[in-house]
């Protein structure tokens, strides 16, 4: 039954998305705020398909932690495509950081450019950091939330991947708070998976990390708090806790003890 429901959803989702991508091209001629309202209508229809065909619903916790005004960094866990389809319902008019090459995709890239997402040149590291800061400052000045995935890519629930420096650079350069966003979407809509499983996805906003702490301290707090909260809601839904590698010095100590015991 799960396979048949997943098949129905995948077919409906891709066909409907193709129809909307071509049929709504006229939106590119509209003012950006009007186009965003139409995009939210499309995203709402996708949520309806999820609920009706697969049985996926979602619950949002911690909205009180979102700043009432002004820009902030939304540092979100990224487990699947699901959360990218919900960001416009979770925060107001988000600007998502994405690879510059995505703007070159016909039609989809036109919409992303019109929505004024934040492209990053992911060539040489210095050029990438410079473009990240340069393209984010106008968005901050508009007061829009900036969405960044600290691990840089989709990571399966329970899998470990180190945090990348971009979130720390933006925190320090833009002087705005970080709001961590935990979720367990990968248990129901796993990356690279045809199967979509019924259930209630939990999204949880954590208390903001206020500006002024310094890059290293802010990144340490972000990783500790976001990973702990994600593990909590993933495990509560029956998923795996994240297994993290031991620090090099700890691993070396264990190896030395084992060697001594063996001798």
C-alpha atoms as a PDB file:
ATOM      1  CA  UNK A   1       0.000   0.000   0.000  1.00  0.00           C
ATOM      2  CA  UNK A   2       2.844   2.417   0.828  1.00  0.00           C
ATOM      3  CA  UNK A   3       4.376   1.698  -2.586  1.00  0.00           C
ATOM      4  CA  UNK A   4       1.094   2.417  -4.408  1.00  0.00           C
ATOM      5  CA  UNK A   5       0.483   5.607  -2.442  1.00  0.00           C
ATOM      6  CA  UNK A   6       4.062   6.718  -3.125  1.00  0.00           C
ATOM      7  CA  UNK A   7       3.618   5.969  -6.825  1.00  0.00           C
ATOM      8  CA  UNK A   8       0.419   8.013  -6.942  1.00  0.00           C
ATOM      9  CA  UNK A   9       2.047  10.922  -5.165  1.00  0.00           C
ATOM     10  CA  UNK A  10       5.240  10.935  -7.237  1.00  0.00           C
ATOM     11  CA  UNK A  11       3.320  10.872 -10.501  1.00  0.00           C
ATOM     12  CA  UNK A  12       0.894  13.580  -9.349  1.00  0.00           C
ATOM     13  CA  UNK A  13       3.683  15.741  -7.903  1.00  0.00           C
ATOM     14  CA  UNK A  14       5.904  15.674 -10.995  1.00  0.00           C
ATOM     15  CA  UNK A  15       3.062  16.097 -13.483  1.00  0.00           C
ATOM     16  CA  UNK A  16       1.474  18.929 -11.488  1.00  0.00           C
ATOM     17  CA  UNK A  17       4.837  20.646 -10.989  1.00  0.00           C
ATOM     18  CA  UNK A  18       5.573  20.494 -14.723  1.00  0.00           C
ATOM     19  CA  UNK A  19       2.141  21.942 -15.498  1.00  0.00           C
ATOM     20  CA  UNK A  20       2.672  24.784 -13.016  1.00  0.00           C
ATOM     21  CA  UNK A  21       6.223  25.530 -14.163  1.00  0.00           C
ATOM     22  CA  UNK A  22       5.086  26.055 -17.749  1.00  0.00           C
ATOM     23  CA  UNK A  23       1.577  27.312 -17.083  1.00  0.00           C
ATOM     24  CA  UNK A  24       2.665  29.977 -14.597  1.00  0.00           C
ATOM     25  CA  UNK A  25       5.472  31.506 -16.641  1.00  0.00           C
ATOM     26  CA  UNK A  26       3.390  34.674 -16.842  1.00  0.00           C
ATOM     27  CA  UNK A  27       4.215  35.168 -13.154  1.00  0.00           C
ATOM     28  CA  UNK A  28       7.688  36.310 -14.176  1.00  0.00           C
ATOM     29  CA  UNK A  29       6.075  39.511 -15.437  1.00  0.00           C
ATOM     30  CA  UNK A  30       4.429  40.230 -12.090  1.00  0.00           C
ATOM     31  CA  UNK A  31       5.886  42.224  -9.198  1.00  0.00           C
ATOM     32  CA  UNK A  32       7.937  39.911  -6.976  1.00  0.00           C
ATOM     33  CA  UNK A  33       5.536  39.976  -3.957  1.00  0.00           C
ATOM     34  CA  UNK A  34       2.633  38.938  -6.206  1.00  0.00           C
ATOM     35  CA  UNK A  35       4.681  36.131  -7.710  1.00  0.00           C
ATOM     36  CA  UNK A  36       5.568  34.885  -4.207  1.00  0.00           C
ATOM     37  CA  UNK A  37       1.866  34.656  -3.344  1.00  0.00           C
ATOM     38  CA  UNK A  38       1.282  32.478  -6.404  1.00  0.00           C
ATOM     39  CA  UNK A  39       4.288  30.323  -5.481  1.00  0.00           C
ATOM     40  CA  UNK A  40       2.783  29.809  -2.014  1.00  0.00           C
ATOM     41  CA  UNK A  41      -0.474  28.747  -3.661  1.00  0.00           C
ATOM     42  CA  UNK A  42       1.444  26.105  -5.652  1.00  0.00           C
ATOM     43  CA  UNK A  43       3.284  24.929  -2.527  1.00  0.00           C
ATOM     44  CA  UNK A  44      -0.059  24.657  -0.746  1.00  0.00           C
ATOM     45  CA  UNK A  45      -1.346  22.341  -3.468  1.00  0.00           C
ATOM     46  CA  UNK A  46       1.731  20.142  -2.964  1.00  0.00           C
ATOM     47  CA  UNK A  47       0.964  19.966   0.765  1.00  0.00           C
ATOM     48  CA  UNK A  48      -2.569  18.870  -0.139  1.00  0.00           C
ATOM     49  CA  UNK A  49      -1.164  16.087  -2.337  1.00  0.00           C
ATOM     50  CA  UNK A  50       1.086  14.963   0.525  1.00  0.00           C
ATOM     51  CA  UNK A  51      -1.789  14.762   2.985  1.00  0.00           C
ATOM     52  CA  UNK A  52      -4.264  13.177   0.584  1.00  0.00           C
ATOM     53  CA  UNK A  53      -2.122  10.661  -1.287  1.00  0.00           C
ATOM     54  CA  UNK A  54       0.583   9.763   1.235  1.00  0.00           C
ATOM     55  CA  UNK A  55      -0.708  10.863   4.638  1.00  0.00           C
ATOM     56  CA  UNK A  56       2.172  13.236   5.446  1.00  0.00           C
ATOM     57  CA  UNK A  57       1.312  16.058   7.812  1.00  0.00           C
ATOM     58  CA  UNK A  58       3.533  18.346   9.826  1.00  0.00           C
ATOM     59  CA  UNK A  59       3.715  20.041  13.203  1.00  0.00           C
ATOM     60  CA  UNK A  60       5.666  23.218  13.951  1.00  0.00           C
ATOM     61  CA  UNK A  61       7.117  23.883  17.404  1.00  0.00           C
ATOM     62  CA  UNK A  62       8.935  26.901  18.795  1.00  0.00           C
ATOM     63  CA  UNK A  63       7.545  29.657  16.571  1.00  0.00           C
ATOM     64  CA  UNK A  64       7.981  31.989  19.542  1.00  0.00           C
ATOM     65  CA  UNK A  65      11.745  31.811  18.944  1.00  0.00           C
ATOM     66  CA  UNK A  66      11.473  33.503  15.541  1.00  0.00           C
ATOM     67  CA  UNK A  67      12.426  37.218  15.685  1.00  0.00           C
ATOM     68  CA  UNK A  68       9.400  39.494  15.369  1.00  0.00           C
ATOM     69  CA  UNK A  69      11.206  41.761  12.909  1.00  0.00           C
ATOM     70  CA  UNK A  70      14.488  42.114  11.079  1.00  0.00           C
ATOM     71  CA  UNK A  71      16.663  39.634   9.259  1.00  0.00           C
ATOM     72  CA  UNK A  72      18.096  36.476  10.791  1.00  0.00           C
ATOM     73  CA  UNK A  73      19.906  33.343   9.718  1.00  0.00           C
ATOM     74  CA  UNK A  74      17.682  30.274   9.671  1.00  0.00           C
ATOM     75  CA  UNK A  75      20.171  27.422  10.075  1.00  0.00           C
ATOM     76  CA  UNK A  76      18.068  24.432   9.031  1.00  0.00           C
ATOM     77  CA  UNK A  77      18.749  20.740   9.007  1.00  0.00           C
ATOM     78  CA  UNK A  78      18.405  19.415   5.473  1.00  0.00           C
ATOM     79  CA  UNK A  79      17.254  15.796   5.238  1.00  0.00           C
ATOM     80  CA  UNK A  80      15.085  15.836   2.126  1.00  0.00           C
ATOM     81  CA  UNK A  81      13.339  17.957  -0.480  1.00  0.00           C
ATOM     82  CA  UNK A  82      10.350  18.246   1.853  1.00  0.00           C
ATOM     83  CA  UNK A  83      11.639  21.173   3.907  1.00  0.00           C
ATOM     84  CA  UNK A  84      12.541  23.199   0.804  1.00  0.00           C
ATOM     85  CA  UNK A  85       8.863  22.998  -0.176  1.00  0.00           C
ATOM     86  CA  UNK A  86       7.726  24.309   3.226  1.00  0.00           C
ATOM     87  CA  UNK A  87      10.087  27.201   3.925  1.00  0.00           C
ATOM     88  CA  UNK A  88       7.628  29.813   2.634  1.00  0.00           C
ATOM     89  CA  UNK A  89       5.066  28.568   5.176  1.00  0.00           C
ATOM     90  CA  UNK A  90       7.553  28.411   8.039  1.00  0.00           C
ATOM     91  CA  UNK A  91       9.036  31.914   7.727  1.00  0.00           C
ATOM     92  CA  UNK A  92       8.049  35.031   5.816  1.00  0.00           C
ATOM     93  CA  UNK A  93       9.624  35.535   2.377  1.00  0.00           C
ATOM     94  CA  UNK A  94      12.802  33.489   2.901  1.00  0.00           C
ATOM     95  CA  UNK A  95      15.941  33.925   0.803  1.00  0.00           C
ATOM     96  CA  UNK A  96      17.551  30.518   0.378  1.00  0.00           C
ATOM     97  CA  UNK A  97      21.285  30.202  -0.200  1.00  0.00           C
ATOM     98  CA  UNK A  98      21.895  28.009  -3.240  1.00  0.00           C
ATOM     99  CA  UNK A  99      24.529  27.146  -5.803  1.00  0.00           C
ATOM    100  CA  UNK A 100      24.822  29.750  -8.541  1.00  0.00           C
ATOM    101  CA  UNK A 101      24.542  26.989 -11.162  1.00  0.00           C
ATOM    102  CA  UNK A 102      20.940  26.316 -10.115  1.00  0.00           C
ATOM    103  CA  UNK A 103      19.938  29.694 -11.540  1.00  0.00           C
ATOM    104  CA  UNK A 104      21.075  28.473 -14.948  1.00  0.00           C
ATOM    105  CA  UNK A 105      18.420  25.723 -15.023  1.00  0.00           C
ATOM    106  CA  UNK A 106      15.762  26.738 -17.570  1.00  0.00           C
ATOM    107  CA  UNK A 107      12.424  27.809 -16.063  1.00  0.00           C
ATOM    108  CA  UNK A 108      13.197  26.721 -12.453  1.00  0.00           C
ATOM    109  CA  UNK A 109      16.194  29.028 -12.350  1.00  0.00           C
ATOM    110  CA  UNK A 110      14.083  31.904 -13.695  1.00  0.00           C
ATOM    111  CA  UNK A 111      11.661  31.525 -10.796  1.00  0.00           C
ATOM    112  CA  UNK A 112      14.512  31.355  -8.255  1.00  0.00           C
ATOM    113  CA  UNK A 113      16.105  34.479  -9.705  1.00  0.00           C
ATOM    114  CA  UNK A 114      12.774  36.347  -9.656  1.00  0.00           C
ATOM    115  CA  UNK A 115      12.264  35.302  -6.010  1.00  0.00           C
ATOM    116  CA  UNK A 116      15.719  36.774  -5.275  1.00  0.00           C
ATOM    117  CA  UNK A 117      17.345  33.755  -3.724  1.00  0.00           C
ATOM    118  CA  UNK A 118      21.027  34.045  -2.781  1.00  0.00           C
ATOM    119  CA  UNK A 119      23.404  32.485  -5.321  1.00  0.00           C
ATOM    120  CA  UNK A 120      26.894  31.436  -4.264  1.00  0.00           C
ATOM    121  CA  UNK A 121      29.871  30.873  -6.537  1.00  0.00           C
ATOM    122  CA  UNK A 122      31.157  27.535  -5.248  1.00  0.00           C
ATOM    123  CA  UNK A 123      34.464  27.680  -7.090  1.00  0.00           C
ATOM    124  CA  UNK A 124      37.571  28.597  -5.142  1.00  0.00           C
ATOM    125  CA  UNK A 125      36.889  28.896  -1.426  1.00  0.00           C
ATOM    126  CA  UNK A 126      37.772  32.590  -1.165  1.00  0.00           C
ATOM    127  CA  UNK A 127      35.533  33.477  -4.099  1.00  0.00           C
ATOM    128  CA  UNK A 128      32.659  31.464  -2.625  1.00  0.00           C
ATOM    129  CA  UNK A 129      32.898  33.218   0.747  1.00  0.00           C
ATOM    130  CA  UNK A 130      33.114  36.633  -0.891  1.00  0.00           C
ATOM    131  CA  UNK A 131      30.043  35.987  -3.049  1.00  0.00           C
ATOM    132  CA  UNK A 132      28.147  34.602  -0.047  1.00  0.00           C
ATOM    133  CA  UNK A 133      28.682  37.784   1.948  1.00  0.00           C
ATOM    134  CA  UNK A 134      28.165  40.129  -1.002  1.00  0.00           C
ATOM    135  CA  UNK A 135      24.866  38.553  -2.082  1.00  0.00           C
ATOM    136  CA  UNK A 136      23.512  38.216   1.469  1.00  0.00           C
ATOM    137  CA  UNK A 137      23.943  41.824   2.612  1.00  0.00           C
ATOM    138  CA  UNK A 138      21.128  43.280   0.434  1.00  0.00           C
ATOM    139  CA  UNK A 139      18.771  40.566   1.719  1.00  0.00           C
ATOM    140  CA  UNK A 140      19.690  41.392   5.313  1.00  0.00           C
ATOM    141  CA  UNK A 141      19.032  45.055   4.636  1.00  0.00           C
ATOM    142  CA  UNK A 142      15.546  44.142   3.343  1.00  0.00           C
ATOM    143  CA  UNK A 143      14.821  42.391   6.653  1.00  0.00           C
ATOM    144  CA  UNK A 144      14.229  38.989   5.049  1.00  0.00           C
ATOM    145  CA  UNK A 145      15.251  35.720   6.752  1.00  0.00           C
ATOM    146  CA  UNK A 146      18.254  34.012   5.156  1.00  0.00           C
ATOM    147  CA  UNK A 147      18.045  30.218   4.987  1.00  0.00           C
ATOM    148  CA  UNK A 148      21.289  28.263   5.104  1.00  0.00           C
ATOM    149  CA  UNK A 149      21.854  24.530   5.440  1.00  0.00           C
ATOM    150  CA  UNK A 150      24.918  24.374   7.722  1.00  0.00           C
ATOM    151  CA  UNK A 151      26.060  20.986   6.441  1.00  0.00           C
ATOM    152  CA  UNK A 152      25.875  22.166   2.851  1.00  0.00           C
ATOM    153  CA  UNK A 153      23.781  19.308   1.479  1.00  0.00           C
ATOM    154  CA  UNK A 154      21.068  16.807   2.338  1.00  0.00           C
ATOM    155  CA  UNK A 155      22.090  14.468   5.163  1.00  0.00           C
ATOM    156  CA  UNK A 156      20.047  11.387   6.051  1.00  0.00           C
ATOM    157  CA  UNK A 157      18.531  11.128   9.518  1.00  0.00           C
ATOM    158  CA  UNK A 158      21.105   9.515  11.788  1.00  0.00           C
ATOM    159  CA  UNK A 159      24.047  10.273   9.481  1.00  0.00           C
ATOM    160  CA  UNK A 160      26.933  12.507  10.505  1.00  0.00           C
ATOM    161  CA  UNK A 161      28.370  15.313   8.395  1.00  0.00           C
ATOM    162  CA  UNK A 162      30.499  18.219   9.653  1.00  0.00           C
ATOM    163  CA  UNK A 163      29.177  21.765   9.598  1.00  0.00           C
ATOM    164  CA  UNK A 164      30.646  24.075   6.961  1.00  0.00           C
ATOM    165  CA  UNK A 165      32.113  27.484   7.671  1.00  0.00           C
ATOM    166  CA  UNK A 166      29.548  29.494   5.677  1.00  0.00           C
ATOM    167  CA  UNK A 167      27.043  29.870   8.498  1.00  0.00           C
ATOM    168  CA  UNK A 168      29.768  31.193  10.820  1.00  0.00           C
ATOM    169  CA  UNK A 169      31.033  33.638   8.219  1.00  0.00           C
ATOM    170  CA  UNK A 170      27.545  35.056   7.678  1.00  0.00           C
ATOM    171  CA  UNK A 171      26.863  35.250  11.417  1.00  0.00           C
ATOM    172  CA  UNK A 172      30.016  37.287  11.926  1.00  0.00           C
ATOM    173  CA  UNK A 173      29.728  39.434   8.788  1.00  0.00           C
ATOM    174  CA  UNK A 174      26.010  40.259   8.892  1.00  0.00           C
ATOM    175  CA  UNK A 175      25.723  40.691  12.682  1.00  0.00           C
ATOM    176  CA  UNK A 176      22.321  38.995  12.902  1.00  0.00           C
ATOM    177  CA  UNK A 177      21.058  36.122  15.087  1.00  0.00           C
ATOM    178  CA  UNK A 178      21.004  32.461  14.103  1.00  0.00           C
ATOM    179  CA  UNK A 179      17.769  30.522  14.626  1.00  0.00           C
ATOM    180  CA  UNK A 180      18.447  26.761  14.493  1.00  0.00           C
ATOM    181  CA  UNK A 181      15.711  24.641  12.867  1.00  0.00           C
ATOM    182  CA  UNK A 182      15.561  20.942  13.688  1.00  0.00           C
ATOM    183  CA  UNK A 183      13.347  18.438  11.869  1.00  0.00           C
ATOM    184  CA  UNK A 184      12.790  14.740  11.172  1.00  0.00           C
ATOM    185  CA  UNK A 185      11.502  14.927   7.576  1.00  0.00           C
ATOM    186  CA  UNK A 186      14.015  12.340   6.383  1.00  0.00           C
ATOM    187  CA  UNK A 187      12.091   9.599   8.185  1.00  0.00           C
ATOM    188  CA  UNK A 188       9.073  10.157   5.946  1.00  0.00           C
ATOM    189  CA  UNK A 189      10.502  11.682   2.768  1.00  0.00           C
ATOM    190  CA  UNK A 190      14.027  10.296   2.587  1.00  0.00           C
ATOM    191  CA  UNK A 191      16.566  11.723   0.155  1.00  0.00           C
ATOM    192  CA  UNK A 192      16.932   9.794  -3.117  1.00  0.00           C
ATOM    193  CA  UNK A 193      13.963   7.612  -2.128  1.00  0.00           C
ATOM    194  CA  UNK A 194      10.860   6.833  -4.168  1.00  0.00           C
ATOM    195  CA  UNK A 195       8.952   5.798  -1.036  1.00  0.00           C
ATOM    196  CA  UNK A 196       7.078   8.428   0.976  1.00  0.00           C
ATOM    197  CA  UNK A 197       5.843   7.257   4.376  1.00  0.00           C
ATOM    198  CA  UNK A 198       2.743   8.503   6.228  1.00  0.00           C
ATOM    199  CA  UNK A 199       3.173  10.290   9.522  1.00  0.00           C
ATOM    200  CA  UNK A 200       3.620  13.691  11.150  1.00  0.00           C
ATOM    201  CA  UNK A 201       6.859  15.520  10.409  1.00  0.00           C
ATOM    202  CA  UNK A 202       8.080  17.694  13.281  1.00  0.00           C
ATOM    203  CA  UNK A 203       9.810  21.028  12.659  1.00  0.00           C
ATOM    204  CA  UNK A 204      11.235  22.759  15.730  1.00  0.00           C
ATOM    205  CA  UNK A 205      12.722  26.257  15.984  1.00  0.00           C
ATOM    206  CA  UNK A 206      15.266  26.650  18.786  1.00  0.00           C
ATOM    207  CA  UNK A 207      16.127  29.787  20.780  1.00  0.00           C
ATOM    208  CA  UNK A 208      18.219  32.188  18.704  1.00  0.00           C
ATOM    209  CA  UNK A 209      21.977  32.498  19.045  1.00  0.00           C
ATOM    210  CA  UNK A 210      22.417  36.224  19.428  1.00  0.00           C
ATOM    211  CA  UNK A 211      25.104  38.149  17.517  1.00  0.00           C
ATOM    212  CA  UNK A 212      28.417  39.076  19.093  1.00  0.00           C
ATOM    213  CA  UNK A 213      29.701  35.691  20.299  1.00  0.00           C
ATOM    214  CA  UNK A 214      32.368  35.217  17.660  1.00  0.00           C
ATOM    215  CA  UNK A 215      32.366  32.765  14.786  1.00  0.00           C
ATOM    216  CA  UNK A 216      33.875  29.736  16.546  1.00  0.00           C
ATOM    217  CA  UNK A 217      31.648  29.963  19.619  1.00  0.00           C
ATOM    218  CA  UNK A 218      28.488  30.505  17.559  1.00  0.00           C
ATOM    219  CA  UNK A 219      29.233  27.516  15.325  1.00  0.00           C
ATOM    220  CA  UNK A 220      29.943  25.336  18.356  1.00  0.00           C
ATOM    221  CA  UNK A 221      26.642  26.286  19.985  1.00  0.00           C
ATOM    222  CA  UNK A 222      24.747  25.831  16.730  1.00  0.00           C
ATOM    223  CA  UNK A 223      26.053  22.337  16.115  1.00  0.00           C
ATOM    224  CA  UNK A 224      25.578  21.209  19.721  1.00  0.00           C
ATOM    225  CA  UNK A 225      22.022  22.533  20.000  1.00  0.00           C
ATOM    226  CA  UNK A 226      20.802  21.666  16.517  1.00  0.00           C
ATOM    227  CA  UNK A 227      22.182  18.126  16.535  1.00  0.00           C
ATOM    228  CA  UNK A 228      20.796  17.431  20.018  1.00  0.00           C
ATOM    229  CA  UNK A 229      17.322  18.706  19.095  1.00  0.00           C
ATOM    230  CA  UNK A 230      17.313  16.809  15.794  1.00  0.00           C
ATOM    231  CA  UNK A 231      18.327  13.565  17.505  1.00  0.00           C
ATOM    232  CA  UNK A 232      15.587  14.074  20.081  1.00  0.00           C
ATOM    233  CA  UNK A 233      12.757  14.411  17.567  1.00  0.00           C
ATOM    234  CA  UNK A 234      14.173  11.767  15.208  1.00  0.00           C
ATOM    235  CA  UNK A 235      14.510   9.181  17.990  1.00  0.00           C
ATOM    236  CA  UNK A 236      11.052  10.069  19.363  1.00  0.00           C
ATOM    237  CA  UNK A 237       9.625   9.170  15.932  1.00  0.00           C
ATOM    238  CA  UNK A 238      11.450   5.827  15.886  1.00  0.00           C
ATOM    239  CA  UNK A 239      14.499   6.890  13.879  1.00  0.00           C
ATOM    240  CA  UNK A 240      18.213   6.434  14.580  1.00  0.00           C
ATOM    241  CA  UNK A 241      20.361   8.695  16.725  1.00  0.00           C
ATOM    242  CA  UNK A 242      23.383  10.186  15.007  1.00  0.00           C
ATOM    243  CA  UNK A 243      26.624   8.259  15.501  1.00  0.00           C
ATOM    244  CA  UNK A 244      29.438  10.779  15.598  1.00  0.00           C
ATOM    245  CA  UNK A 245      33.102   9.930  15.065  1.00  0.00           C
ATOM    246  CA  UNK A 246      35.285  10.083  18.145  1.00  0.00           C
ATOM    247  CA  UNK A 247      37.850  12.885  18.340  1.00  0.00           C
ATOM    248  CA  UNK A 248      41.253  11.887  16.964  1.00  0.00           C
ATOM    249  CA  UNK A 249      43.017  12.140  20.319  1.00  0.00           C
ATOM    250  CA  UNK A 250      40.341  10.009  22.017  1.00  0.00           C
ATOM    251  CA  UNK A 251      40.545   7.373  19.266  1.00  0.00           C
ATOM    252  CA  UNK A 252      44.329   7.340  19.565  1.00  0.00           C
ATOM    253  CA  UNK A 253      44.093   6.841  23.318  1.00  0.00           C
ATOM    254  CA  UNK A 254      41.727   3.911  22.903  1.00  0.00           C
ATOM    255  CA  UNK A 255      44.066   2.323  20.336  1.00  0.00           C
ATOM    256  CA  UNK A 256      47.063   2.718  22.634  1.00  0.00           C
ATOM    257  CA  UNK A 257      45.193   1.101  25.538  1.00  0.00           C
ATOM    258  CA  UNK A 258      44.147  -1.787  23.327  1.00  0.00           C
ATOM    259  CA  UNK A 259      47.711  -2.284  22.137  1.00  0.00           C
ATOM    260  CA  UNK A 260      49.030  -2.216  25.697  1.00  0.00           C
ATOM    261  CA  UNK A 261      46.441  -4.768  26.817  1.00  0.00           C
ATOM    262  CA  UNK A 262      47.325  -7.042  23.920  1.00  0.00           C
ATOM    263  CA  UNK A 263      51.026  -6.945  24.757  1.00  0.00           C
END
